[in-house]
Amino acid sequence: MIDILRAKLSPEQFEGFLLGNVIKYLFRYPHKGTPSRDLDKAAKYLEWLRILYPMDKSDDKGQASK
């Protein structure tokens, strides 16, 4: 499913989708469902978001570049 969304959305829309889901699952984990499942989902969306910003090897501080 994530591959379909990546193919159909613009890069900006896809990034917003990922970020929105990270925020959604972080805000809801203590209130709905199973907290560990919501945190796992947030982590997965964050992992996909992180892939969009690989580390810049020239950055001495190890920070991601845009």
C-alpha atoms as a PDB file:
ATOM      1  CA  MET A   1       0.000   0.000   0.000  1.00  0.00           C
ATOM      2  CA  ILE A   2       2.788   2.436   0.849  1.00  0.00           C
ATOM      3  CA  ASP A   3       4.281   1.924  -2.623  1.00  0.00           C
ATOM      4  CA  ILE A   4       0.960   2.809  -4.245  1.00  0.00           C
ATOM      5  CA  LEU A   5       0.732   6.021  -2.227  1.00  0.00           C
ATOM      6  CA  ARG A   6       4.319   6.928  -3.075  1.00  0.00           C
ATOM      7  CA  ALA A   7       3.549   6.412  -6.780  1.00  0.00           C
ATOM      8  CA  LYS A   8       0.290   8.389  -6.748  1.00  0.00           C
ATOM      9  CA  LEU A   9       1.244  11.347  -4.531  1.00  0.00           C
ATOM     10  CA  SER A  10       3.680  14.147  -5.224  1.00  0.00           C
ATOM     11  CA  PRO A  11       6.864  14.016  -3.121  1.00  0.00           C
ATOM     12  CA  GLU A  12       5.494  16.802  -0.916  1.00  0.00           C
ATOM     13  CA  GLN A  13       2.148  15.054  -0.478  1.00  0.00           C
ATOM     14  CA  PHE A  14       3.837  11.752   0.361  1.00  0.00           C
ATOM     15  CA  GLU A  15       6.072  13.422   2.946  1.00  0.00           C
ATOM     16  CA  GLY A  16       3.031  15.104   4.480  1.00  0.00           C
ATOM     17  CA  PHE A  17       1.184  11.795   4.602  1.00  0.00           C
ATOM     18  CA  LEU A  18       4.081  10.145   6.436  1.00  0.00           C
ATOM     19  CA  LEU A  19       4.537  13.022   8.875  1.00  0.00           C
ATOM     20  CA  GLY A  20       0.808  13.208   9.536  1.00  0.00           C
ATOM     21  CA  ASN A  21       0.707   9.527  10.441  1.00  0.00           C
ATOM     22  CA  VAL A  22       3.720   9.842  12.755  1.00  0.00           C
ATOM     23  CA  ILE A  23       1.951  12.664  14.583  1.00  0.00           C
ATOM     24  CA  LYS A  24      -1.399  10.846  14.629  1.00  0.00           C
ATOM     25  CA  TYR A  25      -0.021   7.686  16.200  1.00  0.00           C
ATOM     26  CA  LEU A  26       2.126   9.565  18.710  1.00  0.00           C
ATOM     27  CA  PHE A  27      -0.829  11.627  19.899  1.00  0.00           C
ATOM     28  CA  ARG A  28      -3.260   8.731  20.148  1.00  0.00           C
ATOM     29  CA  TYR A  29      -1.081   6.006  21.702  1.00  0.00           C
ATOM     30  CA  PRO A  30      -2.011   6.703  25.325  1.00  0.00           C
ATOM     31  CA  HIS A  31      -5.735   7.050  24.539  1.00  0.00           C
ATOM     32  CA  LYS A  32      -6.841   4.424  21.997  1.00  0.00           C
ATOM     33  CA  GLY A  33      -6.198   0.819  21.164  1.00  0.00           C
ATOM     34  CA  THR A  34      -2.944  -0.782  22.218  1.00  0.00           C
ATOM     35  CA  PRO A  35      -0.239   1.792  23.070  1.00  0.00           C
ATOM     36  CA  SER A  36       2.623  -0.406  21.884  1.00  0.00           C
ATOM     37  CA  ARG A  37       0.924  -0.999  18.524  1.00  0.00           C
ATOM     38  CA  ASP A  38       0.416   2.739  17.974  1.00  0.00           C
ATOM     39  CA  LEU A  39       4.042   3.436  18.900  1.00  0.00           C
ATOM     40  CA  ASP A  40       5.178   0.726  16.482  1.00  0.00           C
ATOM     41  CA  LYS A  41       3.088   2.309  13.734  1.00  0.00           C
ATOM     42  CA  ALA A  42       4.542   5.755  14.483  1.00  0.00           C
ATOM     43  CA  ALA A  43       8.042   4.280  14.342  1.00  0.00           C
ATOM     44  CA  LYS A  44       7.336   2.621  10.973  1.00  0.00           C
ATOM     45  CA  TYR A  45       6.053   5.847   9.418  1.00  0.00           C
ATOM     46  CA  LEU A  46       9.037   7.696  10.888  1.00  0.00           C
ATOM     47  CA  GLU A  47      11.357   5.082   9.379  1.00  0.00           C
ATOM     48  CA  TRP A  48       9.790   5.651   5.944  1.00  0.00           C
ATOM     49  CA  LEU A  49      10.065   9.414   6.442  1.00  0.00           C
ATOM     50  CA  ARG A  50      13.703   9.056   7.452  1.00  0.00           C
ATOM     51  CA  ILE A  51      14.443   7.211   4.203  1.00  0.00           C
ATOM     52  CA  LEU A  52      13.475  10.382   2.326  1.00  0.00           C
ATOM     53  CA  TYR A  53      16.382  12.209   3.995  1.00  0.00           C
ATOM     54  CA  PRO A  54      19.557  10.103   3.823  1.00  0.00           C
ATOM     55  CA  MET A  55      22.541  11.253   5.835  1.00  0.00           C
ATOM     56  CA  ASP A  56      24.799  13.749   4.095  1.00  0.00           C
ATOM     57  CA  LYS A  57      28.238  12.151   4.327  1.00  0.00           C
ATOM     58  CA  SER A  58      29.923  15.570   4.146  1.00  0.00           C
ATOM     59  CA  ASP A  59      28.145  16.755   7.306  1.00  0.00           C
ATOM     60  CA  ASP A  60      30.576  16.497  10.224  1.00  0.00           C
ATOM     61  CA  LYS A  61      27.788  16.635  12.806  1.00  0.00           C
ATOM     62  CA  GLY A  62      25.962  13.612  11.404  1.00  0.00           C
ATOM     63  CA  GLN A  63      22.769  15.586  10.861  1.00  0.00           C
ATOM     64  CA  ALA A  64      20.427  14.887   7.984  1.00  0.00           C
ATOM     65  CA  SER A  65      20.458  17.402   5.204  1.00  0.00           C
ATOM     66  CA  LYS A  66      17.600  18.516   2.997  1.00  0.00           C
END
